[in-house]
Amino acid sequence: MAWWRRSGKRSPKGPSDGPNMAVDQQAVRRHLTEFASSRRGVEAYVEPPTNVTATTVILIAHDGEWTRRAAGSRDSAFALARSLEVPVYDVLQTGYPNRMREWNSRQRKKP
């Protein structure tokens, strides 16, 4: 009896988390497109993979509001951001804009 094995089927796409996770590119594109089209002054930042996450794209609006989605690889992250026709940066080279930190701070202070 192997009670320690995972029950259920494995996804044929690959793992659902971690740096080699499978990414639903269509869902990511829909979400980021909606965010970019409904806000002004949006910029994209590509974040490198870590031990627990894949490469991600973070979109930051003019007021600091942001959203993040896994993008798969670095190349696909830059291609996705460019397809949104927004400026795109490598977060390792530029860091995060202050407006993002300020927005996060304002969100924590809300009741």
PDB file of N, CA and C in Angstrom:
ATOM      1  N   MET A   1       0.848  -1.176   0.000  1.00  0.00           N
ATOM      2  CA  MET A   1       0.000   0.000   0.000  1.00  0.00           C
ATOM      3  C   MET A   1       0.899   1.248   0.000  1.00  0.00           C
ATOM      4  N   ALA A   2       0.726   2.061  -0.985  1.00  0.00           N
ATOM      5  CA  ALA A   2       1.581   3.241  -1.122  1.00  0.00           C
ATOM      6  C   ALA A   2       0.798   4.505  -0.804  1.00  0.00           C
ATOM      7  N   TRP A   3       0.515   4.718   0.454  1.00  0.00           N
ATOM      8  CA  TRP A   3      -0.292   5.875   0.842  1.00  0.00           C
ATOM      9  C   TRP A   3       0.470   7.182   0.718  1.00  0.00           C
ATOM     10  N   TRP A   4       1.781   7.140   0.617  1.00  0.00           N
ATOM     11  CA  TRP A   4       2.586   8.340   0.536  1.00  0.00           C
ATOM     12  C   TRP A   4       2.680   8.914  -0.872  1.00  0.00           C
ATOM     13  N   ARG A   5       2.235   8.177  -1.863  1.00  0.00           N
ATOM     14  CA  ARG A   5       2.257   8.667  -3.242  1.00  0.00           C
ATOM     15  C   ARG A   5       1.158   9.693  -3.442  1.00  0.00           C
ATOM     16  N   ARG A   6       1.407  10.593  -4.339  1.00  0.00           N
ATOM     17  CA  ARG A   6       0.387  11.590  -4.676  1.00  0.00           C
ATOM     18  C   ARG A   6      -0.754  10.926  -5.410  1.00  0.00           C
ATOM     19  N   SER A   7      -1.946  11.309  -5.057  1.00  0.00           N
ATOM     20  CA  SER A   7      -3.088  10.801  -5.805  1.00  0.00           C
ATOM     21  C   SER A   7      -3.406  11.759  -6.937  1.00  0.00           C
ATOM     22  N   GLY A   8      -4.094  11.280  -7.909  1.00  0.00           N
ATOM     23  CA  GLY A   8      -4.450  12.120  -9.044  1.00  0.00           C
ATOM     24  C   GLY A   8      -3.415  12.030 -10.142  1.00  0.00           C
ATOM     25  N   LYS A   9      -3.735  12.668 -11.228  1.00  0.00           N
ATOM     26  CA  LYS A   9      -2.863  12.613 -12.391  1.00  0.00           C
ATOM     27  C   LYS A   9      -1.936  13.817 -12.431  1.00  0.00           C
ATOM     28  N   ARG A  10      -0.785  13.623 -12.989  1.00  0.00           N
ATOM     29  CA  ARG A  10       0.173  14.694 -13.209  1.00  0.00           C
ATOM     30  C   ARG A  10      -0.213  15.473 -14.454  1.00  0.00           C
ATOM     31  N   SER A  11       0.049  16.755 -14.453  1.00  0.00           N
ATOM     32  CA  SER A  11      -0.207  17.566 -15.632  1.00  0.00           C
ATOM     33  C   SER A  11       0.791  17.197 -16.725  1.00  0.00           C
ATOM     34  N   PRO A  12       0.351  17.023 -17.956  1.00  0.00           N
ATOM     35  CA  PRO A  12       1.289  16.694 -19.027  1.00  0.00           C
ATOM     36  C   PRO A  12       2.188  17.873 -19.383  1.00  0.00           C
ATOM     37  N   LYS A  13       1.835  19.090 -18.942  1.00  0.00           N
ATOM     38  CA  LYS A  13       2.621  20.279 -19.267  1.00  0.00           C
ATOM     39  C   LYS A  13       3.909  20.345 -18.464  1.00  0.00           C
ATOM     40  N   GLY A  14       3.918  19.811 -17.258  1.00  0.00           N
ATOM     41  CA  GLY A  14       5.087  19.893 -16.397  1.00  0.00           C
ATOM     42  C   GLY A  14       4.685  20.338 -15.014  1.00  0.00           C
ATOM     43  N   PRO A  15       5.659  20.641 -14.167  1.00  0.00           N
ATOM     44  CA  PRO A  15       5.347  21.012 -12.795  1.00  0.00           C
ATOM     45  C   PRO A  15       4.519  22.292 -12.730  1.00  0.00           C
ATOM     46  N   SER A  16       3.724  22.416 -11.655  1.00  0.00           N
ATOM     47  CA  SER A  16       2.855  23.588 -11.520  1.00  0.00           C
ATOM     48  C   SER A  16       3.488  24.705 -10.710  1.00  0.00           C
ATOM     49  N   ASP A  17       4.688  24.484 -10.190  1.00  0.00           N
ATOM     50  CA  ASP A  17       5.389  25.546  -9.489  1.00  0.00           C
ATOM     51  C   ASP A  17       6.890  25.323  -9.626  1.00  0.00           C
ATOM     52  N   GLY A  18       7.654  26.297  -9.214  1.00  0.00           N
ATOM     53  CA  GLY A  18       9.098  26.203  -9.321  1.00  0.00           C
ATOM     54  C   GLY A  18       9.612  26.818 -10.606  1.00  0.00           C
ATOM     55  N   PRO A  19      10.922  26.857 -10.768  1.00  0.00           N
ATOM     56  CA  PRO A  19      11.514  27.547 -11.921  1.00  0.00           C
ATOM     57  C   PRO A  19      11.216  26.897 -13.261  1.00  0.00           C
ATOM     58  N   ASN A  20      10.851  25.607 -13.261  1.00  0.00           N
ATOM     59  CA  ASN A  20      10.541  24.914 -14.514  1.00  0.00           C
ATOM     60  C   ASN A  20       9.055  24.677 -14.678  1.00  0.00           C
ATOM     61  N   MET A  21       8.254  25.497 -14.019  1.00  0.00           N
ATOM     62  CA  MET A  21       6.810  25.306 -14.031  1.00  0.00           C
ATOM     63  C   MET A  21       6.213  25.515 -15.419  1.00  0.00           C
ATOM     64  N   ALA A  22       5.117  24.844 -15.663  1.00  0.00           N
ATOM     65  CA  ALA A  22       4.372  25.038 -16.904  1.00  0.00           C
ATOM     66  C   ALA A  22       3.606  26.356 -16.800  1.00  0.00           C
ATOM     67  N   VAL A  23       3.584  27.112 -17.860  1.00  0.00           N
ATOM     68  CA  VAL A  23       2.931  28.417 -17.862  1.00  0.00           C
ATOM     69  C   VAL A  23       1.848  28.443 -18.929  1.00  0.00           C
ATOM     70  N   ASP A  24       0.649  28.841 -18.541  1.00  0.00           N
ATOM     71  CA  ASP A  24      -0.448  28.998 -19.492  1.00  0.00           C
ATOM     72  C   ASP A  24      -0.274  30.371 -20.152  1.00  0.00           C
ATOM     73  N   GLN A  25       0.443  30.395 -21.260  1.00  0.00           N
ATOM     74  CA  GLN A  25       0.796  31.654 -21.916  1.00  0.00           C
ATOM     75  C   GLN A  25      -0.431  32.465 -22.323  1.00  0.00           C
ATOM     76  N   GLN A  26      -1.499  31.811 -22.731  1.00  0.00           N
ATOM     77  CA  GLN A  26      -2.703  32.546 -23.145  1.00  0.00           C
ATOM     78  C   GLN A  26      -3.338  33.261 -21.963  1.00  0.00           C
ATOM     79  N   ALA A  27      -3.423  32.599 -20.825  1.00  0.00           N
ATOM     80  CA  ALA A  27      -4.006  33.230 -19.637  1.00  0.00           C
ATOM     81  C   ALA A  27      -3.130  34.386 -19.163  1.00  0.00           C
ATOM     82  N   VAL A  28      -1.820  34.201 -19.209  1.00  0.00           N
ATOM     83  CA  VAL A  28      -0.891  35.265 -18.814  1.00  0.00           C
ATOM     84  C   VAL A  28      -1.055  36.462 -19.737  1.00  0.00           C
ATOM     85  N   ARG A  29      -1.085  36.212 -21.033  1.00  0.00           N
ATOM     86  CA  ARG A  29      -1.234  37.293 -22.011  1.00  0.00           C
ATOM     87  C   ARG A  29      -2.556  38.046 -21.815  1.00  0.00           C
ATOM     88  N   ARG A  30      -3.643  37.312 -21.586  1.00  0.00           N
ATOM     89  CA  ARG A  30      -4.944  37.963 -21.353  1.00  0.00           C
ATOM     90  C   ARG A  30      -4.896  38.870 -20.129  1.00  0.00           C
ATOM     91  N   HIS A  31      -4.353  38.359 -19.038  1.00  0.00           N
ATOM     92  CA  HIS A  31      -4.302  39.142 -17.809  1.00  0.00           C
ATOM     93  C   HIS A  31      -3.453  40.405 -17.980  1.00  0.00           C
ATOM     94  N   LEU A  32      -2.261  40.239 -18.531  1.00  0.00           N
ATOM     95  CA  LEU A  32      -1.360  41.387 -18.685  1.00  0.00           C
ATOM     96  C   LEU A  32      -1.898  42.399 -19.696  1.00  0.00           C
ATOM     97  N   THR A  33      -2.534  41.919 -20.755  1.00  0.00           N
ATOM     98  CA  THR A  33      -3.129  42.818 -21.742  1.00  0.00           C
ATOM     99  C   THR A  33      -4.232  43.647 -21.111  1.00  0.00           C
ATOM    100  N   GLU A  34      -5.076  43.002 -20.302  1.00  0.00           N
ATOM    101  CA  GLU A  34      -6.159  43.719 -19.618  1.00  0.00           C
ATOM    102  C   GLU A  34      -5.596  44.765 -18.666  1.00  0.00           C
ATOM    103  N   PHE A  35      -4.572  44.408 -17.918  1.00  0.00           N
ATOM    104  CA  PHE A  35      -3.960  45.345 -16.975  1.00  0.00           C
ATOM    105  C   PHE A  35      -3.369  46.538 -17.728  1.00  0.00           C
ATOM    106  N   ALA A  36      -2.582  46.264 -18.766  1.00  0.00           N
ATOM    107  CA  ALA A  36      -1.909  47.332 -19.510  1.00  0.00           C
ATOM    108  C   ALA A  36      -2.899  48.252 -20.217  1.00  0.00           C
ATOM    109  N   SER A  37      -3.997  47.702 -20.719  1.00  0.00           N
ATOM    110  CA  SER A  37      -4.956  48.522 -21.467  1.00  0.00           C
ATOM    111  C   SER A  37      -5.890  49.315 -20.552  1.00  0.00           C
ATOM    112  N   SER A  38      -5.998  48.924 -19.296  1.00  0.00           N
ATOM    113  CA  SER A  38      -6.922  49.610 -18.397  1.00  0.00           C
ATOM    114  C   SER A  38      -6.224  50.592 -17.454  1.00  0.00           C
ATOM    115  N   ARG A  39      -4.922  50.752 -17.604  1.00  0.00           N
ATOM    116  CA  ARG A  39      -4.170  51.689 -16.774  1.00  0.00           C
ATOM    117  C   ARG A  39      -3.233  52.500 -17.650  1.00  0.00           C
ATOM    118  N   ARG A  40      -2.808  53.640 -17.131  1.00  0.00           N
ATOM    119  CA  ARG A  40      -1.895  54.458 -17.943  1.00  0.00           C
ATOM    120  C   ARG A  40      -0.488  54.418 -17.374  1.00  0.00           C
ATOM    121  N   GLY A  41       0.478  54.716 -18.228  1.00  0.00           N
ATOM    122  CA  GLY A  41       1.872  54.770 -17.799  1.00  0.00           C
ATOM    123  C   GLY A  41       2.441  53.434 -17.379  1.00  0.00           C
ATOM    124  N   VAL A  42       1.997  52.352 -17.994  1.00  0.00           N
ATOM    125  CA  VAL A  42       2.435  51.010 -17.598  1.00  0.00           C
ATOM    126  C   VAL A  42       3.824  50.722 -18.153  1.00  0.00           C
ATOM    127  N   GLU A  43       4.672  50.150 -17.290  1.00  0.00           N
ATOM    128  CA  GLU A  43       6.001  49.684 -17.680  1.00  0.00           C
ATOM    129  C   GLU A  43       6.128  48.230 -17.244  1.00  0.00           C
ATOM    130  N   ALA A  44       6.921  47.465 -17.983  1.00  0.00           N
ATOM    131  CA  ALA A  44       7.133  46.053 -17.669  1.00  0.00           C
ATOM    132  C   ALA A  44       8.546  45.857 -17.138  1.00  0.00           C
ATOM    133  N   TYR A  45       8.660  44.988 -16.149  1.00  0.00           N
ATOM    134  CA  TYR A  45       9.951  44.610 -15.581  1.00  0.00           C
ATOM    135  C   TYR A  45      10.038  43.096 -15.596  1.00  0.00           C
ATOM    136  N   VAL A  46      11.136  42.568 -16.143  1.00  0.00           N
ATOM    137  CA  VAL A  46      11.348  41.124 -16.201  1.00  0.00           C
ATOM    138  C   VAL A  46      12.185  40.730 -14.995  1.00  0.00           C
ATOM    139  N   GLU A  47      11.651  39.769 -14.226  1.00  0.00           N
ATOM    140  CA  GLU A  47      12.332  39.284 -13.026  1.00  0.00           C
ATOM    141  C   GLU A  47      12.935  37.916 -13.319  1.00  0.00           C
ATOM    142  N   PRO A  48      14.140  37.654 -12.819  1.00  0.00           N
ATOM    143  CA  PRO A  48      14.791  36.365 -13.091  1.00  0.00           C
ATOM    144  C   PRO A  48      14.123  35.230 -12.316  1.00  0.00           C
ATOM    145  N   PRO A  49      14.349  33.997 -12.754  1.00  0.00           N
ATOM    146  CA  PRO A  49      13.808  32.860 -12.001  1.00  0.00           C
ATOM    147  C   PRO A  49      14.544  32.706 -10.676  1.00  0.00           C
ATOM    148  N   THR A  50      13.876  32.105  -9.718  1.00  0.00           N
ATOM    149  CA  THR A  50      14.490  31.780  -8.433  1.00  0.00           C
ATOM    150  C   THR A  50      14.352  30.273  -8.221  1.00  0.00           C
ATOM    151  N   ASN A  51      14.705  29.806  -7.043  1.00  0.00           N
ATOM    152  CA  ASN A  51      14.555  28.380  -6.748  1.00  0.00           C
ATOM    153  C   ASN A  51      13.097  27.953  -6.711  1.00  0.00           C
ATOM    154  N   VAL A  52      12.201  28.897  -6.490  1.00  0.00           N
ATOM    155  CA  VAL A  52      10.784  28.542  -6.339  1.00  0.00           C
ATOM    156  C   VAL A  52       9.864  29.173  -7.369  1.00  0.00           C
ATOM    157  N   THR A  53      10.356  30.079  -8.200  1.00  0.00           N
ATOM    158  CA  THR A  53       9.507  30.703  -9.208  1.00  0.00           C
ATOM    159  C   THR A  53      10.184  30.698 -10.567  1.00  0.00           C
ATOM    160  N   ALA A  54       9.358  30.735 -11.593  1.00  0.00           N
ATOM    161  CA  ALA A  54       9.854  30.863 -12.960  1.00  0.00           C
ATOM    162  C   ALA A  54      10.165  32.335 -13.231  1.00  0.00           C
ATOM    163  N   THR A  55      10.699  32.629 -14.397  1.00  0.00           N
ATOM    164  CA  THR A  55      10.881  34.015 -14.822  1.00  0.00           C
ATOM    165  C   THR A  55       9.512  34.687 -14.836  1.00  0.00           C
ATOM    166  N   THR A  56       9.432  35.897 -14.319  1.00  0.00           N
ATOM    167  CA  THR A  56       8.155  36.591 -14.244  1.00  0.00           C
ATOM    168  C   THR A  56       8.218  37.955 -14.909  1.00  0.00           C
ATOM    169  N   VAL A  57       7.038  38.441 -15.290  1.00  0.00           N
ATOM    170  CA  VAL A  57       6.879  39.800 -15.798  1.00  0.00           C
ATOM    171  C   VAL A  57       6.011  40.528 -14.791  1.00  0.00           C
ATOM    172  N   ILE A  58       6.472  41.693 -14.377  1.00  0.00           N
ATOM    173  CA  ILE A  58       5.674  42.518 -13.484  1.00  0.00           C
ATOM    174  C   ILE A  58       5.350  43.808 -14.230  1.00  0.00           C
ATOM    175  N   LEU A  59       4.060  44.155 -14.285  1.00  0.00           N
ATOM    176  CA  LEU A  59       3.626  45.405 -14.901  1.00  0.00           C
ATOM    177  C   LEU A  59       3.338  46.397 -13.794  1.00  0.00           C
ATOM    178  N   ILE A  60       3.849  47.617 -13.947  1.00  0.00           N
ATOM    179  CA  ILE A  60       3.666  48.652 -12.939  1.00  0.00           C
ATOM    180  C   ILE A  60       3.068  49.876 -13.612  1.00  0.00           C
ATOM    181  N   ALA A  61       1.918  50.311 -13.100  1.00  0.00           N
ATOM    182  CA  ALA A  61       1.217  51.476 -13.657  1.00  0.00           C
ATOM    183  C   ALA A  61       1.818  52.768 -13.109  1.00  0.00           C
ATOM    184  N   HIS A  62       1.340  53.903 -13.619  1.00  0.00           N
ATOM    185  CA  HIS A  62       1.878  55.212 -13.231  1.00  0.00           C
ATOM    186  C   HIS A  62       1.745  55.493 -11.738  1.00  0.00           C
ATOM    187  N   ASP A  63       0.702  54.930 -11.104  1.00  0.00           N
ATOM    188  CA  ASP A  63       0.474  55.182  -9.682  1.00  0.00           C
ATOM    189  C   ASP A  63       1.135  54.141  -8.782  1.00  0.00           C
ATOM    190  N   GLY A  64       1.829  53.161  -9.368  1.00  0.00           N
ATOM    191  CA  GLY A  64       2.526  52.137  -8.603  1.00  0.00           C
ATOM    192  C   GLY A  64       1.766  50.835  -8.476  1.00  0.00           C
ATOM    193  N   GLU A  65       0.485  50.825  -8.895  1.00  0.00           N
ATOM    194  CA  GLU A  65      -0.260  49.568  -8.871  1.00  0.00           C
ATOM    195  C   GLU A  65       0.457  48.573  -9.770  1.00  0.00           C
ATOM    196  N   TRP A  66       0.499  47.323  -9.356  1.00  0.00           N
ATOM    197  CA  TRP A  66       1.266  46.346 -10.129  1.00  0.00           C
ATOM    198  C   TRP A  66       0.582  44.985 -10.149  1.00  0.00           C
ATOM    199  N   THR A  67       1.027  44.177 -11.109  1.00  0.00           N
ATOM    200  CA  THR A  67       0.603  42.786 -11.211  1.00  0.00           C
ATOM    201  C   THR A  67       1.781  41.976 -11.719  1.00  0.00           C
ATOM    202  N   ARG A  68       1.831  40.715 -11.330  1.00  0.00           N
ATOM    203  CA  ARG A  68       2.956  39.849 -11.705  1.00  0.00           C
ATOM    204  C   ARG A  68       2.406  38.523 -12.220  1.00  0.00           C
ATOM    205  N   ARG A  69       3.045  38.007 -13.262  1.00  0.00           N
ATOM    206  CA  ARG A  69       2.685  36.697 -13.793  1.00  0.00           C
ATOM    207  C   ARG A  69       3.948  35.980 -14.256  1.00  0.00           C
ATOM    208  N   ALA A  70       3.948  34.659 -14.102  1.00  0.00           N
ATOM    209  CA  ALA A  70       5.041  33.827 -14.604  1.00  0.00           C
ATOM    210  C   ALA A  70       5.026  33.873 -16.121  1.00  0.00           C
ATOM    211  N   ALA A  71       6.207  33.893 -16.710  1.00  0.00           N
ATOM    212  CA  ALA A  71       6.293  34.012 -18.164  1.00  0.00           C
ATOM    213  C   ALA A  71       7.068  32.878 -18.814  1.00  0.00           C
ATOM    214  N   GLY A  72       7.594  31.972 -18.044  1.00  0.00           N
ATOM    215  CA  GLY A  72       8.369  30.879 -18.635  1.00  0.00           C
ATOM    216  C   GLY A  72       9.841  31.225 -18.692  1.00  0.00           C
ATOM    217  N   SER A  73      10.302  31.638 -19.849  1.00  0.00           N
ATOM    218  CA  SER A  73      11.723  31.950 -20.025  1.00  0.00           C
ATOM    219  C   SER A  73      11.945  33.462 -20.121  1.00  0.00           C
ATOM    220  N   ARG A  74      13.202  33.861 -20.006  1.00  0.00           N
ATOM    221  CA  ARG A  74      13.573  35.272 -20.119  1.00  0.00           C
ATOM    222  C   ARG A  74      13.179  35.820 -21.491  1.00  0.00           C
ATOM    223  N   ASP A  75      13.475  35.065 -22.547  1.00  0.00           N
ATOM    224  CA  ASP A  75      13.155  35.519 -23.901  1.00  0.00           C
ATOM    225  C   ASP A  75      11.644  35.691 -24.087  1.00  0.00           C
ATOM    226  N   SER A  76      10.863  34.727 -23.591  1.00  0.00           N
ATOM    227  CA  SER A  76       9.411  34.852 -23.747  1.00  0.00           C
ATOM    228  C   SER A  76       8.865  35.992 -22.895  1.00  0.00           C
ATOM    229  N   ALA A  77       9.493  36.269 -21.757  1.00  0.00           N
ATOM    230  CA  ALA A  77       9.057  37.383 -20.915  1.00  0.00           C
ATOM    231  C   ALA A  77       9.270  38.720 -21.627  1.00  0.00           C
ATOM    232  N   PHE A  78      10.440  38.904 -22.236  1.00  0.00           N
ATOM    233  CA  PHE A  78      10.697  40.141 -22.972  1.00  0.00           C
ATOM    234  C   PHE A  78       9.788  40.249 -24.195  1.00  0.00           C
ATOM    235  N   ALA A  79       9.587  39.135 -24.905  1.00  0.00           N
ATOM    236  CA  ALA A  79       8.711  39.152 -26.081  1.00  0.00           C
ATOM    237  C   ALA A  79       7.286  39.502 -25.683  1.00  0.00           C
ATOM    238  N   LEU A  80       6.810  38.936 -24.597  1.00  0.00           N
ATOM    239  CA  LEU A  80       5.466  39.225 -24.122  1.00  0.00           C
ATOM    240  C   LEU A  80       5.321  40.702 -23.762  1.00  0.00           C
ATOM    241  N   ALA A  81       6.273  41.233 -23.032  1.00  0.00           N
ATOM    242  CA  ALA A  81       6.219  42.643 -22.630  1.00  0.00           C
ATOM    243  C   ALA A  81       6.268  43.561 -23.853  1.00  0.00           C
ATOM    244  N   ARG A  82       7.116  43.230 -24.810  1.00  0.00           N
ATOM    245  CA  ARG A  82       7.196  44.058 -26.027  1.00  0.00           C
ATOM    246  C   ARG A  82       5.900  43.995 -26.824  1.00  0.00           C
ATOM    247  N   SER A  83       5.233  42.850 -26.809  1.00  0.00           N
ATOM    248  CA  SER A  83       3.978  42.723 -27.555  1.00  0.00           C
ATOM    249  C   SER A  83       2.880  43.599 -26.953  1.00  0.00           C
ATOM    250  N   LEU A  84       3.021  43.960 -25.690  1.00  0.00           N
ATOM    251  CA  LEU A  84       2.061  44.857 -25.044  1.00  0.00           C
ATOM    252  C   LEU A  84       2.332  46.321 -25.390  1.00  0.00           C
ATOM    253  N   GLU A  85       3.438  46.545 -26.092  1.00  0.00           N
ATOM    254  CA  GLU A  85       3.856  47.887 -26.505  1.00  0.00           C
ATOM    255  C   GLU A  85       4.022  48.829 -25.316  1.00  0.00           C
ATOM    256  N   VAL A  86       4.689  48.310 -24.284  1.00  0.00           N
ATOM    257  CA  VAL A  86       5.041  49.122 -23.122  1.00  0.00           C
ATOM    258  C   VAL A  86       6.559  49.046 -22.966  1.00  0.00           C
ATOM    259  N   PRO A  87       7.166  50.045 -22.321  1.00  0.00           N
ATOM    260  CA  PRO A  87       8.610  49.950 -22.072  1.00  0.00           C
ATOM    261  C   PRO A  87       8.903  48.726 -21.206  1.00  0.00           C
ATOM    262  N   VAL A  88      10.008  48.056 -21.497  1.00  0.00           N
ATOM    263  CA  VAL A  88      10.358  46.848 -20.746  1.00  0.00           C
ATOM    264  C   VAL A  88      11.795  46.953 -20.243  1.00  0.00           C
ATOM    265  N   TYR A  89      11.999  46.549 -18.986  1.00  0.00           N
ATOM    266  CA  TYR A  89      13.294  46.655 -18.339  1.00  0.00           C
ATOM    267  C   TYR A  89      13.654  45.342 -17.655  1.00  0.00           C
ATOM    268  N   ASP A  90      14.947  45.119 -17.487  1.00  0.00           N
ATOM    269  CA  ASP A  90      15.443  43.994 -16.705  1.00  0.00           C
ATOM    270  C   ASP A  90      15.582  44.490 -15.272  1.00  0.00           C
ATOM    271  N   VAL A  91      14.836  43.914 -14.341  1.00  0.00           N
ATOM    272  CA  VAL A  91      14.823  44.402 -12.964  1.00  0.00           C
ATOM    273  C   VAL A  91      16.200  44.280 -12.304  1.00  0.00           C
ATOM    274  N   LEU A  92      17.041  43.369 -12.768  1.00  0.00           N
ATOM    275  CA  LEU A  92      18.387  43.253 -12.209  1.00  0.00           C
ATOM    276  C   LEU A  92      19.246  44.457 -12.566  1.00  0.00           C
ATOM    277  N   GLN A  93      18.924  45.112 -13.657  1.00  0.00           N
ATOM    278  CA  GLN A  93      19.698  46.286 -14.079  1.00  0.00           C
ATOM    279  C   GLN A  93      19.105  47.597 -13.579  1.00  0.00           C
ATOM    280  N   THR A  94      17.790  47.653 -13.440  1.00  0.00           N
ATOM    281  CA  THR A  94      17.148  48.927 -13.086  1.00  0.00           C
ATOM    282  C   THR A  94      16.589  48.978 -11.675  1.00  0.00           C
ATOM    283  N   GLY A  95      16.296  47.831 -11.109  1.00  0.00           N
ATOM    284  CA  GLY A  95      15.597  47.801  -9.832  1.00  0.00           C
ATOM    285  C   GLY A  95      14.127  48.126 -10.041  1.00  0.00           C
ATOM    286  N   TYR A  96      13.382  48.196  -8.932  1.00  0.00           N
ATOM    287  CA  TYR A  96      11.956  48.518  -8.990  1.00  0.00           C
ATOM    288  C   TYR A  96      11.769  50.022  -8.817  1.00  0.00           C
ATOM    289  N   PRO A  97      10.770  50.596  -9.473  1.00  0.00           N
ATOM    290  CA  PRO A  97      10.540  52.035  -9.304  1.00  0.00           C
ATOM    291  C   PRO A  97       9.966  52.335  -7.912  1.00  0.00           C
ATOM    292  N   ASN A  98      10.291  53.507  -7.395  1.00  0.00           N
ATOM    293  CA  ASN A  98       9.813  53.912  -6.068  1.00  0.00           C
ATOM    294  C   ASN A  98       8.299  53.921  -5.984  1.00  0.00           C
ATOM    295  N   ARG A  99       7.638  54.242  -7.089  1.00  0.00           N
ATOM    296  CA  ARG A  99       6.179  54.327  -7.050  1.00  0.00           C
ATOM    297  C   ARG A  99       5.547  52.987  -6.676  1.00  0.00           C
ATOM    298  N   MET A 100       6.208  51.884  -6.987  1.00  0.00           N
ATOM    299  CA  MET A 100       5.697  50.568  -6.606  1.00  0.00           C
ATOM    300  C   MET A 100       5.770  50.399  -5.084  1.00  0.00           C
ATOM    301  N   ARG A 101       6.893  50.756  -4.492  1.00  0.00           N
ATOM    302  CA  ARG A 101       7.044  50.658  -3.042  1.00  0.00           C
ATOM    303  C   ARG A 101       6.061  51.571  -2.326  1.00  0.00           C
ATOM    304  N   GLU A 102       5.865  52.764  -2.882  1.00  0.00           N
ATOM    305  CA  GLU A 102       4.919  53.704  -2.280  1.00  0.00           C
ATOM    306  C   GLU A 102       3.495  53.165  -2.350  1.00  0.00           C
ATOM    307  N   TRP A 103       3.122  52.545  -3.471  1.00  0.00           N
ATOM    308  CA  TRP A 103       1.788  51.958  -3.620  1.00  0.00           C
ATOM    309  C   TRP A 103       1.606  50.831  -2.603  1.00  0.00           C
ATOM    310  N   ASN A 104       2.637  49.969  -2.467  1.00  0.00           N
ATOM    311  CA  ASN A 104       2.564  48.877  -1.490  1.00  0.00           C
ATOM    312  C   ASN A 104       2.379  49.430  -0.080  1.00  0.00           C
ATOM    313  N   SER A 105       3.091  50.486   0.231  1.00  0.00           N
ATOM    314  CA  SER A 105       2.975  51.105   1.557  1.00  0.00           C
ATOM    315  C   SER A 105       1.568  51.648   1.784  1.00  0.00           C
ATOM    316  N   ARG A 106       1.006  52.297   0.777  1.00  0.00           N
ATOM    317  CA  ARG A 106      -0.360  52.819   0.896  1.00  0.00           C
ATOM    318  C   ARG A 106      -1.373  51.693   1.088  1.00  0.00           C
ATOM    319  N   GLN A 107      -1.162  50.553   0.423  1.00  0.00           N
ATOM    320  CA  GLN A 107      -2.094  49.432   0.546  1.00  0.00           C
ATOM    321  C   GLN A 107      -2.051  48.824   1.951  1.00  0.00           C
ATOM    322  N   ARG A 108      -0.873  48.792   2.561  1.00  0.00           N
ATOM    323  CA  ARG A 108      -0.755  48.251   3.925  1.00  0.00           C
ATOM    324  C   ARG A 108      -1.438  49.131   4.949  1.00  0.00           C
ATOM    325  N   LYS A 109      -1.480  50.441   4.677  1.00  0.00           N
ATOM    326  CA  LYS A 109      -2.075  51.396   5.631  1.00  0.00           C
ATOM    327  C   LYS A 109      -3.596  51.442   5.557  1.00  0.00           C
ATOM    328  N   LYS A 110      -4.180  50.889   4.506  1.00  0.00           N
ATOM    329  CA  LYS A 110      -5.644  50.912   4.380  1.00  0.00           C
ATOM    330  C   LYS A 110      -6.264  50.026   5.453  1.00  0.00           C
ATOM    331  N   PRO A 111      -7.422  50.475   5.993  1.00  0.00           N
ATOM    332  CA  PRO A 111      -8.079  49.682   7.045  1.00  0.00           C
ATOM    333  C   PRO A 111      -8.685  48.394   6.534  1.00  0.00           C
TER     334      PRO A 111
END
